[in-house]
C-alpha atoms as a PDB file:
ATOM      1  CA  UNK A   1       0.328  -0.166  -0.189  1.00  0.00           C
ATOM      2  CA  UNK A   2       1.110   3.164  -0.782  1.00  0.00           C
ATOM      3  CA  UNK A   3       2.842   5.476   2.241  1.00  0.00           C
ATOM      4  CA  UNK A   4       2.470   2.236   4.571  1.00  0.00           C
ATOM      5  CA  UNK A   5       5.153   1.808   6.423  1.00  0.00           C
ATOM      6  CA  UNK A   6       6.272  -0.075   8.954  1.00  0.00           C
ATOM      7  CA  UNK A   7       7.385   0.608  12.206  1.00  0.00           C
ATOM      8  CA  UNK A   8      10.093  -0.843  14.522  1.00  0.00           C
ATOM      9  CA  UNK A   9       8.288  -2.325  18.339  1.00  0.00           C
ATOM     10  CA  UNK A  10       7.444  -1.049  20.921  1.00  0.00           C
ATOM     11  CA  UNK A  11       7.837   3.075  18.781  1.00  0.00           C
ATOM     12  CA  UNK A  12       4.910   3.030  17.446  1.00  0.00           C
ATOM     13  CA  UNK A  13       4.295   6.626  19.488  1.00  0.00           C
ATOM     14  CA  UNK A  14       7.170   7.660  16.928  1.00  0.00           C
ATOM     15  CA  UNK A  15       6.294   6.285  14.456  1.00  0.00           C
ATOM     16  CA  UNK A  16       2.505   8.118  13.912  1.00  0.00           C
ATOM     17  CA  UNK A  17       4.704  11.324  15.076  1.00  0.00           C
ATOM     18  CA  UNK A  18       6.512  11.309  11.846  1.00  0.00           C
ATOM     19  CA  UNK A  19       3.423   9.964   9.911  1.00  0.00           C
ATOM     20  CA  UNK A  20       1.502  13.353  11.387  1.00  0.00           C
ATOM     21  CA  UNK A  21       3.966  15.548  10.310  1.00  0.00           C
ATOM     22  CA  UNK A  22       3.478  13.874   6.927  1.00  0.00           C
ATOM     23  CA  UNK A  23       0.140  14.539   6.531  1.00  0.00           C
ATOM     24  CA  UNK A  24       0.794  18.118   7.848  1.00  0.00           C
ATOM     25  CA  UNK A  25       3.704  18.687   5.123  1.00  0.00           C
ATOM     26  CA  UNK A  26       1.530  17.461   2.149  1.00  0.00           C
ATOM     27  CA  UNK A  27      -2.343  18.697   3.504  1.00  0.00           C
ATOM     28  CA  UNK A  28      -2.249  20.432   6.362  1.00  0.00           C
ATOM     29  CA  UNK A  29      -3.832  21.012   9.893  1.00  0.00           C
ATOM     30  CA  UNK A  30      -6.950  20.696   8.818  1.00  0.00           C
ATOM     31  CA  UNK A  31      -6.776  18.086   6.583  1.00  0.00           C
ATOM     32  CA  UNK A  32      -4.877  15.494   8.613  1.00  0.00           C
ATOM     33  CA  UNK A  33      -6.662  12.531  10.534  1.00  0.00           C
ATOM     34  CA  UNK A  34      -5.839   9.652  12.771  1.00  0.00           C
ATOM     35  CA  UNK A  35      -6.981   6.920  11.250  1.00  0.00           C
ATOM     36  CA  UNK A  36      -4.530   7.825   7.306  1.00  0.00           C
ATOM     37  CA  UNK A  37      -1.263   8.341  10.546  1.00  0.00           C
ATOM     38  CA  UNK A  38      -2.011   5.320  10.935  1.00  0.00           C
ATOM     39  CA  UNK A  39      -2.278   3.588   7.600  1.00  0.00           C
ATOM     40  CA  UNK A  40       1.181   5.785   6.956  1.00  0.00           C
ATOM     41  CA  UNK A  41       2.264   4.388  10.041  1.00  0.00           C
ATOM     42  CA  UNK A  42       1.714   0.688   9.043  1.00  0.00           C
ATOM     43  CA  UNK A  43      -0.586   0.236  11.241  1.00  0.00           C
ATOM     44  CA  UNK A  44      -4.363  -0.766  12.671  1.00  0.00           C
ATOM     45  CA  UNK A  45      -6.795   2.889  13.370  1.00  0.00           C
ATOM     46  CA  UNK A  46      -7.340   1.680  16.524  1.00  0.00           C
ATOM     47  CA  UNK A  47      -4.443   1.274  17.168  1.00  0.00           C
ATOM     48  CA  UNK A  48      -2.982   5.324  17.901  1.00  0.00           C
ATOM     49  CA  UNK A  49      -5.244   4.980  21.116  1.00  0.00           C
ATOM     50  CA  UNK A  50      -2.964   3.285  22.732  1.00  0.00           C
ATOM     51  CA  UNK A  51      -1.091   5.891  23.130  1.00  0.00           C
ATOM     52  CA  UNK A  52      -3.760   9.732  21.747  1.00  0.00           C
ATOM     53  CA  UNK A  53      -6.750   9.874  23.790  1.00  0.00           C
ATOM     54  CA  UNK A  54      -7.750  11.806  19.626  1.00  0.00           C
ATOM     55  CA  UNK A  55      -6.989  13.665  16.619  1.00  0.00           C
ATOM     56  CA  UNK A  56      -6.069  16.388  19.080  1.00  0.00           C
ATOM     57  CA  UNK A  57      -4.557  14.799  21.205  1.00  0.00           C
ATOM     58  CA  UNK A  58      -1.848  13.403  18.563  1.00  0.00           C
ATOM     59  CA  UNK A  59      -1.421  17.185  17.618  1.00  0.00           C
ATOM     60  CA  UNK A  60      -0.892  18.135  19.998  1.00  0.00           C
ATOM     61  CA  UNK A  61       1.941  15.394  21.125  1.00  0.00           C
ATOM     62  CA  UNK A  62       3.222  16.925  17.898  1.00  0.00           C
ATOM     63  CA  UNK A  63       3.511  19.790  18.748  1.00  0.00           C
ATOM     64  CA  UNK A  64       5.392  19.364  21.201  1.00  0.00           C
ATOM     65  CA  UNK A  65       7.584  18.108  20.304  1.00  0.00           C
ATOM     66  CA  UNK A  66       8.653  20.256  17.562  1.00  0.00           C
ATOM     67  CA  UNK A  67       8.775  23.354  20.282  1.00  0.00           C
ATOM     68  CA  UNK A  68      11.582  20.863  22.720  1.00  0.00           C
ATOM     69  CA  UNK A  69      13.269  21.310  18.291  1.00  0.00           C
ATOM     70  CA  UNK A  70      12.950  24.977  18.513  1.00  0.00           C
ATOM     71  CA  UNK A  71      13.481  25.096  22.523  1.00  0.00           C
ATOM     72  CA  UNK A  72      17.469  23.284  21.397  1.00  0.00           C
ATOM     73  CA  UNK A  73      17.967  25.411  18.501  1.00  0.00           C
ATOM     74  CA  UNK A  74      17.967  28.250  21.174  1.00  0.00           C
ATOM     75  CA  UNK A  75      19.829  26.612  23.213  1.00  0.00           C
ATOM     76  CA  UNK A  76      22.869  25.977  20.765  1.00  0.00           C
ATOM     77  CA  UNK A  77      22.527  29.920  19.970  1.00  0.00           C
ATOM     78  CA  UNK A  78      26.411  31.642  20.899  1.00  0.00           C
ATOM     79  CA  UNK A  79      24.270  34.881  22.370  1.00  0.00           C
ATOM     80  CA  UNK A  80      25.823  38.030  21.892  1.00  0.00           C
ATOM     81  CA  UNK A  81      26.878  40.526  24.685  1.00  0.00           C
ATOM     82  CA  UNK A  82      24.550  42.836  23.724  1.00  0.00           C
ATOM     83  CA  UNK A  83      20.340  42.680  23.325  1.00  0.00           C
ATOM     84  CA  UNK A  84      19.930  44.151  20.058  1.00  0.00           C
ATOM     85  CA  UNK A  85      23.006  41.476  18.746  1.00  0.00           C
ATOM     86  CA  UNK A  86      20.644  38.464  20.974  1.00  0.00           C
ATOM     87  CA  UNK A  87      17.391  39.185  19.761  1.00  0.00           C
ATOM     88  CA  UNK A  88      18.392  39.203  16.457  1.00  0.00           C
ATOM     89  CA  UNK A  89      19.902  36.338  16.583  1.00  0.00           C
ATOM     90  CA  UNK A  90      16.989  34.987  18.456  1.00  0.00           C
ATOM     91  CA  UNK A  91      14.384  36.110  15.933  1.00  0.00           C
ATOM     92  CA  UNK A  92      15.936  35.366  12.818  1.00  0.00           C
ATOM     93  CA  UNK A  93      16.689  31.960  14.311  1.00  0.00           C
ATOM     94  CA  UNK A  94      13.095  31.841  14.837  1.00  0.00           C
ATOM     95  CA  UNK A  95      12.027  32.333  11.698  1.00  0.00           C
ATOM     96  CA  UNK A  96      15.040  29.682  10.187  1.00  0.00           C
ATOM     97  CA  UNK A  97      13.353  27.035  11.714  1.00  0.00           C
ATOM     98  CA  UNK A  98       9.745  27.881  10.306  1.00  0.00           C
ATOM     99  CA  UNK A  99      11.057  28.385   6.863  1.00  0.00           C
ATOM    100  CA  UNK A 100      12.874  24.983   7.532  1.00  0.00           C
ATOM    101  CA  UNK A 101       9.660  23.333   8.245  1.00  0.00           C
ATOM    102  CA  UNK A 102       5.989  24.717   7.828  1.00  0.00           C
ATOM    103  CA  UNK A 103       4.400  21.843   8.675  1.00  0.00           C
ATOM    104  CA  UNK A 104       6.408  21.608  12.408  1.00  0.00           C
ATOM    105  CA  UNK A 105       5.144  25.797  12.361  1.00  0.00           C
ATOM    106  CA  UNK A 106       1.603  25.211  11.481  1.00  0.00           C
ATOM    107  CA  UNK A 107       1.557  21.970  14.161  1.00  0.00           C
ATOM    108  CA  UNK A 108       2.687  24.620  16.828  1.00  0.00           C
ATOM    109  CA  UNK A 109       0.364  27.834  16.084  1.00  0.00           C
ATOM    110  CA  UNK A 110      -1.892  26.558  13.277  1.00  0.00           C
ATOM    111  CA  UNK A 111      -3.517  22.839  13.769  1.00  0.00           C
ATOM    112  CA  UNK A 112      -6.108  24.888  15.801  1.00  0.00           C
ATOM    113  CA  UNK A 113      -4.977  22.915  19.040  1.00  0.00           C
ATOM    114  CA  UNK A 114      -6.255  24.738  22.613  1.00  0.00           C
ATOM    115  CA  UNK A 115      -2.916  24.039  24.687  1.00  0.00           C
ATOM    116  CA  UNK A 116      -4.772  24.289  28.074  1.00  0.00           C
ATOM    117  CA  UNK A 117      -6.869  21.588  27.375  1.00  0.00           C
ATOM    118  CA  UNK A 118      -2.886  19.930  27.118  1.00  0.00           C
ATOM    119  CA  UNK A 119      -1.535  20.796  30.115  1.00  0.00           C
ATOM    120  CA  UNK A 120       2.214  19.181  28.444  1.00  0.00           C
ATOM    121  CA  UNK A 121       2.082  21.409  25.545  1.00  0.00           C
ATOM    122  CA  UNK A 122       1.742  24.473  27.522  1.00  0.00           C
ATOM    123  CA  UNK A 123       4.456  23.058  30.036  1.00  0.00           C
ATOM    124  CA  UNK A 124       6.925  22.758  27.252  1.00  0.00           C
ATOM    125  CA  UNK A 125       5.499  26.328  25.050  1.00  0.00           C
ATOM    126  CA  UNK A 126       6.264  27.788  29.006  1.00  0.00           C
ATOM    127  CA  UNK A 127       9.426  26.474  28.437  1.00  0.00           C
ATOM    128  CA  UNK A 128      10.328  28.467  25.257  1.00  0.00           C
ATOM    129  CA  UNK A 129       9.414  32.157  26.568  1.00  0.00           C
ATOM    130  CA  UNK A 130      11.699  30.982  29.825  1.00  0.00           C
ATOM    131  CA  UNK A 131      14.675  30.496  27.604  1.00  0.00           C
ATOM    132  CA  UNK A 132      13.967  34.106  25.977  1.00  0.00           C
ATOM    133  CA  UNK A 133      13.483  35.390  29.325  1.00  0.00           C
ATOM    134  CA  UNK A 134      16.967  34.388  30.320  1.00  0.00           C
ATOM    135  CA  UNK A 135      18.068  35.223  26.890  1.00  0.00           C
ATOM    136  CA  UNK A 136      17.150  38.792  27.936  1.00  0.00           C
ATOM    137  CA  UNK A 137      17.817  39.139  31.636  1.00  0.00           C
ATOM    138  CA  UNK A 138      21.183  40.427  31.586  1.00  0.00           C
ATOM    139  CA  UNK A 139      19.346  43.349  29.719  1.00  0.00           C
ATOM    140  CA  UNK A 140      15.679  44.104  30.725  1.00  0.00           C
ATOM    141  CA  UNK A 141      13.986  44.856  34.610  1.00  0.00           C
ATOM    142  CA  UNK A 142      12.953  41.643  36.406  1.00  0.00           C
ATOM    143  CA  UNK A 143       9.700  43.492  36.997  1.00  0.00           C
ATOM    144  CA  UNK A 144       9.174  44.311  32.695  1.00  0.00           C
ATOM    145  CA  UNK A 145      11.411  40.905  31.490  1.00  0.00           C
ATOM    146  CA  UNK A 146       7.829  38.673  31.096  1.00  0.00           C
ATOM    147  CA  UNK A 147       6.415  41.218  29.109  1.00  0.00           C
ATOM    148  CA  UNK A 148       9.550  41.618  26.618  1.00  0.00           C
ATOM    149  CA  UNK A 149      10.518  38.547  26.591  1.00  0.00           C
ATOM    150  CA  UNK A 150       7.227  37.449  24.710  1.00  0.00           C
ATOM    151  CA  UNK A 151       6.906  41.302  22.973  1.00  0.00           C
ATOM    152  CA  UNK A 152      10.573  39.165  20.685  1.00  0.00           C
ATOM    153  CA  UNK A 153       8.590  36.393  20.280  1.00  0.00           C
ATOM    154  CA  UNK A 154       5.315  38.221  18.773  1.00  0.00           C
ATOM    155  CA  UNK A 155       8.054  39.922  16.288  1.00  0.00           C
ATOM    156  CA  UNK A 156       9.182  36.835  15.738  1.00  0.00           C
ATOM    157  CA  UNK A 157       6.145  35.134  15.425  1.00  0.00           C
ATOM    158  CA  UNK A 158       4.805  37.947  13.111  1.00  0.00           C
ATOM    159  CA  UNK A 159       7.982  37.944  10.362  1.00  0.00           C
ATOM    160  CA  UNK A 160       7.773  33.937  10.516  1.00  0.00           C
ATOM    161  CA  UNK A 161       4.477  33.492   9.764  1.00  0.00           C
ATOM    162  CA  UNK A 162       4.201  36.381   7.132  1.00  0.00           C
ATOM    163  CA  UNK A 163       7.174  34.647   5.327  1.00  0.00           C
ATOM    164  CA  UNK A 164       6.463  31.318   5.394  1.00  0.00           C
ATOM    165  CA  UNK A 165       2.588  32.142   3.812  1.00  0.00           C
ATOM    166  CA  UNK A 166       4.003  33.961   1.460  1.00  0.00           C
ATOM    167  CA  UNK A 167       2.631  37.382   1.830  1.00  0.00           C
ATOM    168  CA  UNK A 168       6.000  38.721   2.509  1.00  0.00           C
ATOM    169  CA  UNK A 169       6.893  38.656  -1.775  1.00  0.00           C
ATOM    170  CA  UNK A 170       6.066  42.277  -2.563  1.00  0.00           C
ATOM    171  CA  UNK A 171       8.218  44.015   0.328  1.00  0.00           C
ATOM    172  CA  UNK A 172      10.937  41.679   0.620  1.00  0.00           C
ATOM    173  CA  UNK A 173      12.721  38.270  -1.502  1.00  0.00           C
ATOM    174  CA  UNK A 174      12.865  34.908   0.285  1.00  0.00           C
ATOM    175  CA  UNK A 175      16.666  35.527   0.327  1.00  0.00           C
ATOM    176  CA  UNK A 176      16.157  39.017   2.538  1.00  0.00           C
ATOM    177  CA  UNK A 177      13.781  38.493   5.083  1.00  0.00           C
ATOM    178  CA  UNK A 178      16.785  37.266   7.522  1.00  0.00           C
ATOM    179  CA  UNK A 179      17.949  40.903   7.306  1.00  0.00           C
ATOM    180  CA  UNK A 180      14.302  41.777   7.510  1.00  0.00           C
ATOM    181  CA  UNK A 181      14.268  39.802  11.234  1.00  0.00           C
ATOM    182  CA  UNK A 182      17.339  41.386  12.260  1.00  0.00           C
ATOM    183  CA  UNK A 183      16.410  44.691  11.499  1.00  0.00           C
ATOM    184  CA  UNK A 184      13.445  44.713  13.738  1.00  0.00           C
ATOM    185  CA  UNK A 185      14.790  42.854  16.433  1.00  0.00           C
ATOM    186  CA  UNK A 186      17.168  45.046  16.568  1.00  0.00           C
ATOM    187  CA  UNK A 187      14.725  48.354  16.337  1.00  0.00           C
ATOM    188  CA  UNK A 188      13.046  46.335  19.115  1.00  0.00           C
ATOM    189  CA  UNK A 189      16.005  46.411  21.626  1.00  0.00           C
ATOM    190  CA  UNK A 190      17.122  50.029  20.569  1.00  0.00           C
ATOM    191  CA  UNK A 191      13.089  50.821  21.828  1.00  0.00           C
ATOM    192  CA  UNK A 192      13.808  49.276  25.134  1.00  0.00           C
ATOM    193  CA  UNK A 193      16.848  49.853  25.552  1.00  0.00           C
ATOM    194  CA  UNK A 194      18.511  52.721  24.214  1.00  0.00           C
ATOM    195  CA  UNK A 195      21.156  51.456  22.204  1.00  0.00           C
ATOM    196  CA  UNK A 196      21.251  48.131  23.038  1.00  0.00           C
ATOM    197  CA  UNK A 197      23.797  48.537  25.045  1.00  0.00           C
ATOM    198  CA  UNK A 198      25.832  45.630  26.805  1.00  0.00           C
ATOM    199  CA  UNK A 199      24.661  44.471  30.195  1.00  0.00           C
ATOM    200  CA  UNK A 200      26.191  46.328  32.602  1.00  0.00           C
ATOM    201  CA  UNK A 201      28.828  43.837  34.741  1.00  0.00           C
ATOM    202  CA  UNK A 202      28.177  42.368  38.193  1.00  0.00           C
END
């Protein structure tokens, strides 16, 4: 059967997550079904329910995995010594992550999942916020940190969503999206920190 695969014993959960990503790449999140994911994984239509309560639970697990990958990409950044440099690195990394695999990005944000109904996914999302706050903390007063990190995330997400959907073509070509993203982040940093100066010496 076309698209059918086998999975290693005991690894059905990961096989279903891989199948979910494949299906969203092909059909979008709205075209995804548990039964088709099962077919792709080479199991019966009832098998996924050993691991996932329903369609949303499977999508939520795929989103959680993607958020973990996003956080890992942030962890690898050699963060710069100024607010402007860090903000630009974070936003460009986020946009690159989205553009590398738009299906993964769609599962995270546009699949209709109510994160408040999936505690593990919500917690993973908070980890991303925590990662941003930690990166900005040398430059931002503690009382402002949560809001400032959310602002930077919003900038990153806005550029990423526009780029992935092809809605920046009237402004900038694909090769220059990272430049636009970095410039937007630096502008935010200057507005927040004056000149994006180095962190104060402890």
